[in-house]
């Protein structure tokens, strides 16, 4: 008589569920900037000087690819120049503003006592607008002129960041922004020239979306 035999039952364990970190590696950034360079328009007319908007700002989103390499895309207001004269009879005004959109890459060199120096470079484009209005019965002149330009731009950066919490870092650095093809009126020679450079000091925050 054969003995009853029940084969062992094997239950395959389900794989362990691991939550996906959707925000891992991504960060947001915001900066304020100050332009140290010479201005595109700098002149005096009828006793009035050109006022310069040297302060700017930017926002962006980025990603940490490795512990040392990260990249981000930024939109920035660089600054501008403004002239305005109105004596009740004659009106002269001029305005110039610049924005930029860049894709940047950075190499974080090392972290020493919480400070991480870095170098970087970026490419993209600038958008600039120029508006000039002359309404002068005295001179018998009226001119309302505007120009919009989109040009290739590149940037070089260097700076350092300091981590103040698990997700927040303070970023301080320098940016050289060059737009080789941007045209402007040289008010000394009254000729159209090309190439505008900006030397900016930037201070901002980075927030890691861990």
Protein backbone atom coordinates (compact mmCIF):
# COMPACT_ATOMS: atom_id res chain seq x y z
CA UNK A 1 0.00 0.00 0.00
CA UNK A 2 1.52 3.25 -1.12
CA UNK A 3 1.97 5.91 1.53
CA UNK A 4 0.19 9.19 1.00
CA UNK A 5 2.60 11.93 -0.11
CA UNK A 6 1.87 15.63 -0.32
CA UNK A 7 4.54 17.54 -2.25
CA UNK A 8 5.77 20.74 -0.59
CA UNK A 9 4.13 23.93 -1.72
CA UNK A 10 6.44 26.81 -2.66
CA UNK A 11 5.04 30.32 -2.45
CA UNK A 12 6.97 32.85 -4.50
CA UNK A 13 7.48 36.04 -2.57
CA UNK A 14 6.38 39.24 -4.28
CA UNK A 15 9.19 41.71 -5.02
CA UNK A 16 9.60 44.40 -2.43
CA UNK A 17 7.94 47.66 -3.46
CA UNK A 18 10.31 50.59 -3.58
CA UNK A 19 8.79 54.07 -3.86
CA UNK A 20 10.00 56.17 -6.78
CA UNK A 21 11.51 59.50 -5.80
CA UNK A 22 9.92 61.75 -8.39
CA UNK A 23 11.80 64.86 -7.34
CA UNK A 24 15.20 63.25 -6.82
CA UNK A 25 18.00 65.22 -8.46
CA UNK A 26 15.91 68.22 -9.50
CA UNK A 27 16.29 71.72 -8.08
CA UNK A 28 14.82 75.19 -8.40
CA UNK A 29 16.83 78.39 -8.33
CA UNK A 30 16.30 82.13 -8.05
CA UNK A 31 18.93 84.87 -8.23
CA UNK A 32 19.33 88.63 -8.08
CA UNK A 33 22.13 90.21 -10.10
CA UNK A 34 24.07 93.45 -10.36
CA UNK A 35 25.79 94.49 -13.60
CA UNK A 36 29.29 95.87 -13.04
CA UNK A 37 30.07 96.56 -16.70
CA UNK A 38 29.89 99.74 -18.74
CA UNK A 39 26.46 100.51 -20.11
CA UNK A 40 25.31 100.38 -23.72
CA UNK A 41 24.05 103.96 -23.53
CA UNK A 42 25.80 106.50 -21.35
CA UNK A 43 25.43 110.16 -22.30
CA UNK A 44 24.14 113.53 -21.12
CA UNK A 45 21.63 115.61 -23.09
CA UNK A 46 19.96 118.86 -22.03
CA UNK A 47 21.43 118.42 -18.56
CA UNK A 48 19.85 114.98 -18.08
CA UNK A 49 21.87 111.78 -17.70
CA UNK A 50 20.90 108.27 -18.72
CA UNK A 51 19.63 106.24 -15.76
CA UNK A 52 20.90 102.68 -15.56
CA UNK A 53 19.01 99.65 -14.31
CA UNK A 54 21.92 97.56 -13.08
CA UNK A 55 19.87 95.19 -10.92
CA UNK A 56 18.30 92.14 -12.51
CA UNK A 57 16.97 88.74 -11.58
CA UNK A 58 16.52 85.20 -12.84
CA UNK A 59 14.62 81.99 -12.18
CA UNK A 60 15.45 78.48 -13.30
CA UNK A 61 15.15 74.74 -12.92
CA UNK A 62 18.03 72.27 -12.89
CA UNK A 63 19.14 68.69 -12.36
CA UNK A 64 22.06 67.01 -10.56
CA UNK A 65 23.42 64.39 -12.97
CA UNK A 66 26.25 63.38 -10.64
CA UNK A 67 27.76 64.63 -7.40
CA UNK A 68 29.94 66.99 -9.44
CA UNK A 69 27.96 67.82 -12.57
CA UNK A 70 24.65 69.66 -12.77
CA UNK A 71 22.81 71.70 -15.37
CA UNK A 72 19.96 74.18 -15.41
CA UNK A 73 17.85 76.34 -17.68
CA UNK A 74 17.32 79.97 -16.68
CA UNK A 75 15.30 83.00 -17.73
CA UNK A 76 16.75 86.34 -16.66
CA UNK A 77 16.17 90.07 -16.79
CA UNK A 78 19.65 91.52 -17.27
CA UNK A 79 18.98 95.25 -16.98
CA UNK A 80 18.66 98.33 -19.13
CA UNK A 81 19.14 102.04 -19.71
CA UNK A 82 16.61 104.86 -19.77
CA UNK A 83 16.72 108.52 -20.79
CA UNK A 84 13.85 110.96 -20.40
CA UNK A 85 13.64 114.73 -20.94
CA UNK A 86 10.47 116.80 -21.09
CA UNK A 87 10.42 120.57 -20.67
CA UNK A 88 6.74 120.91 -21.54
CA UNK A 89 7.48 121.68 -25.18
CA UNK A 90 10.12 119.21 -26.34
CA UNK A 91 10.17 115.53 -25.41
CA UNK A 92 13.13 113.17 -25.80
CA UNK A 93 13.07 109.61 -24.45
CA UNK A 94 15.06 106.44 -25.03
CA UNK A 95 14.88 103.01 -23.44
CA UNK A 96 16.91 99.83 -23.77
CA UNK A 97 16.30 96.51 -21.97
CA UNK A 98 17.81 93.02 -22.18
CA UNK A 99 16.54 89.54 -21.21
CA UNK A 100 18.28 86.19 -21.59
CA UNK A 101 17.42 82.50 -21.79
CA UNK A 102 20.31 80.10 -21.19
CA UNK A 103 21.07 76.42 -20.73
CA UNK A 104 24.00 76.10 -18.32
CA UNK A 105 26.33 73.35 -17.15
CA UNK A 106 28.34 73.45 -13.91
CA UNK A 107 31.17 71.44 -12.40
CA UNK A 108 31.14 71.43 -8.60
CA UNK A 109 34.82 71.06 -7.73
CA UNK A 110 34.75 69.88 -4.10
CA UNK A 111 33.07 70.62 -0.79
CA UNK A 112 35.24 71.97 2.02
CA UNK A 113 33.60 72.98 5.32
CA UNK A 114 30.24 73.23 3.58
CA UNK A 115 31.49 75.48 0.76
CA UNK A 116 31.42 74.12 -2.81
CA UNK A 117 33.25 76.18 -5.48
CA UNK A 118 32.17 75.69 -9.08
CA UNK A 119 32.81 76.75 -12.67
CA UNK A 120 30.30 76.74 -15.50
CA UNK A 121 29.34 77.76 -19.01
CA UNK A 122 26.09 78.35 -20.83
CA UNK A 123 24.63 79.00 -24.27
CA UNK A 124 21.33 80.48 -25.35
CA UNK A 125 19.89 83.73 -26.59
CA UNK A 126 19.17 87.29 -25.55
CA UNK A 127 16.17 89.43 -26.36
CA UNK A 128 16.67 93.18 -26.44
CA UNK A 129 14.40 96.09 -27.22
CA UNK A 130 15.21 99.70 -28.03
CA UNK A 131 12.67 102.53 -28.05
CA UNK A 132 13.45 106.12 -29.05
CA UNK A 133 10.93 108.96 -29.11
CA UNK A 134 11.70 112.50 -30.26
CA UNK A 135 8.88 115.06 -30.28
CA UNK A 136 10.44 118.49 -30.68
CA UNK A 137 8.48 121.40 -32.17
CA UNK A 138 11.54 123.55 -31.48
CA UNK A 139 13.68 121.45 -33.82
CA UNK A 140 10.78 120.56 -36.10
CA UNK A 141 11.49 116.88 -35.51
CA UNK A 142 9.35 113.86 -34.70
CA UNK A 143 10.64 110.32 -34.54
CA UNK A 144 9.12 107.23 -32.93
CA UNK A 145 11.50 104.31 -33.46
CA UNK A 146 11.65 100.85 -31.95
CA UNK A 147 13.78 97.78 -32.53
CA UNK A 148 13.59 94.18 -31.29
CA UNK A 149 16.53 91.79 -31.50
CA UNK A 150 17.06 88.09 -30.81
CA UNK A 151 20.71 87.08 -30.71
CA UNK A 152 22.92 84.14 -29.80
CA UNK A 153 24.61 84.51 -26.41
CA UNK A 154 27.05 82.58 -24.26
CA UNK A 155 28.06 82.83 -20.62
CA UNK A 156 30.96 81.85 -18.36
CA UNK A 157 30.45 81.48 -14.61
CA UNK A 158 32.43 80.94 -11.42
CA UNK A 159 31.33 80.99 -7.82
CA UNK A 160 30.59 78.99 -4.70
CA UNK A 161 27.58 77.61 -2.88
CA UNK A 162 26.99 76.99 0.81
CA UNK A 163 24.43 74.50 2.07
CA UNK A 164 22.36 76.04 4.87
CA UNK A 165 19.96 73.10 5.23
CA UNK A 166 19.29 69.68 3.72
CA UNK A 167 17.52 71.21 0.71
CA UNK A 168 18.62 74.85 0.55
CA UNK A 169 21.93 76.30 -0.65
CA UNK A 170 23.08 79.91 -0.96
CA UNK A 171 24.81 80.59 -4.29
CA UNK A 172 27.17 83.51 -4.91
CA UNK A 173 29.05 83.97 -8.15
CA UNK A 174 30.16 85.93 -11.19
CA UNK A 175 28.74 85.66 -14.70
CA UNK A 176 30.21 86.97 -17.94
CA UNK A 177 27.48 87.23 -20.57
CA UNK A 178 28.38 88.06 -24.17
CA UNK A 179 26.02 88.72 -27.08
CA UNK A 180 28.35 89.14 -30.09
CA UNK A 181 25.62 90.04 -32.60
CA UNK A 182 23.57 92.55 -30.61
CA UNK A 183 23.51 95.90 -32.41
CA UNK A 184 23.42 99.25 -30.65
CA UNK A 185 23.99 102.91 -31.43
CA UNK A 186 27.34 104.27 -30.31
CA UNK A 187 26.34 107.71 -29.00
CA UNK A 188 29.92 108.98 -29.26
CA UNK A 189 30.39 108.21 -32.97
CA UNK A 190 26.68 107.89 -33.95
CA UNK A 191 27.48 104.61 -35.68
CA UNK A 192 25.83 101.21 -35.28
CA UNK A 193 28.11 98.70 -33.58
CA UNK A 194 27.83 95.04 -32.57
CA UNK A 195 28.65 93.13 -29.42
CA UNK A 196 27.42 93.71 -25.86
CA UNK A 197 29.12 92.32 -22.75
CA UNK A 198 27.73 92.08 -19.22
CA UNK A 199 29.74 91.44 -16.05
CA UNK A 200 27.34 90.39 -13.31
CA UNK A 201 27.59 89.54 -9.63
CA UNK A 202 24.80 87.15 -8.65
CA UNK A 203 23.40 86.02 -5.31
CA UNK A 204 20.63 83.47 -5.03
CA UNK A 205 19.11 80.33 -3.54
CA UNK A 206 18.91 76.76 -4.80
CA UNK A 207 16.22 74.43 -3.48
CA UNK A 208 16.75 70.70 -3.99
CA UNK A 209 13.54 68.73 -4.62
CA UNK A 210 14.71 65.57 -2.86
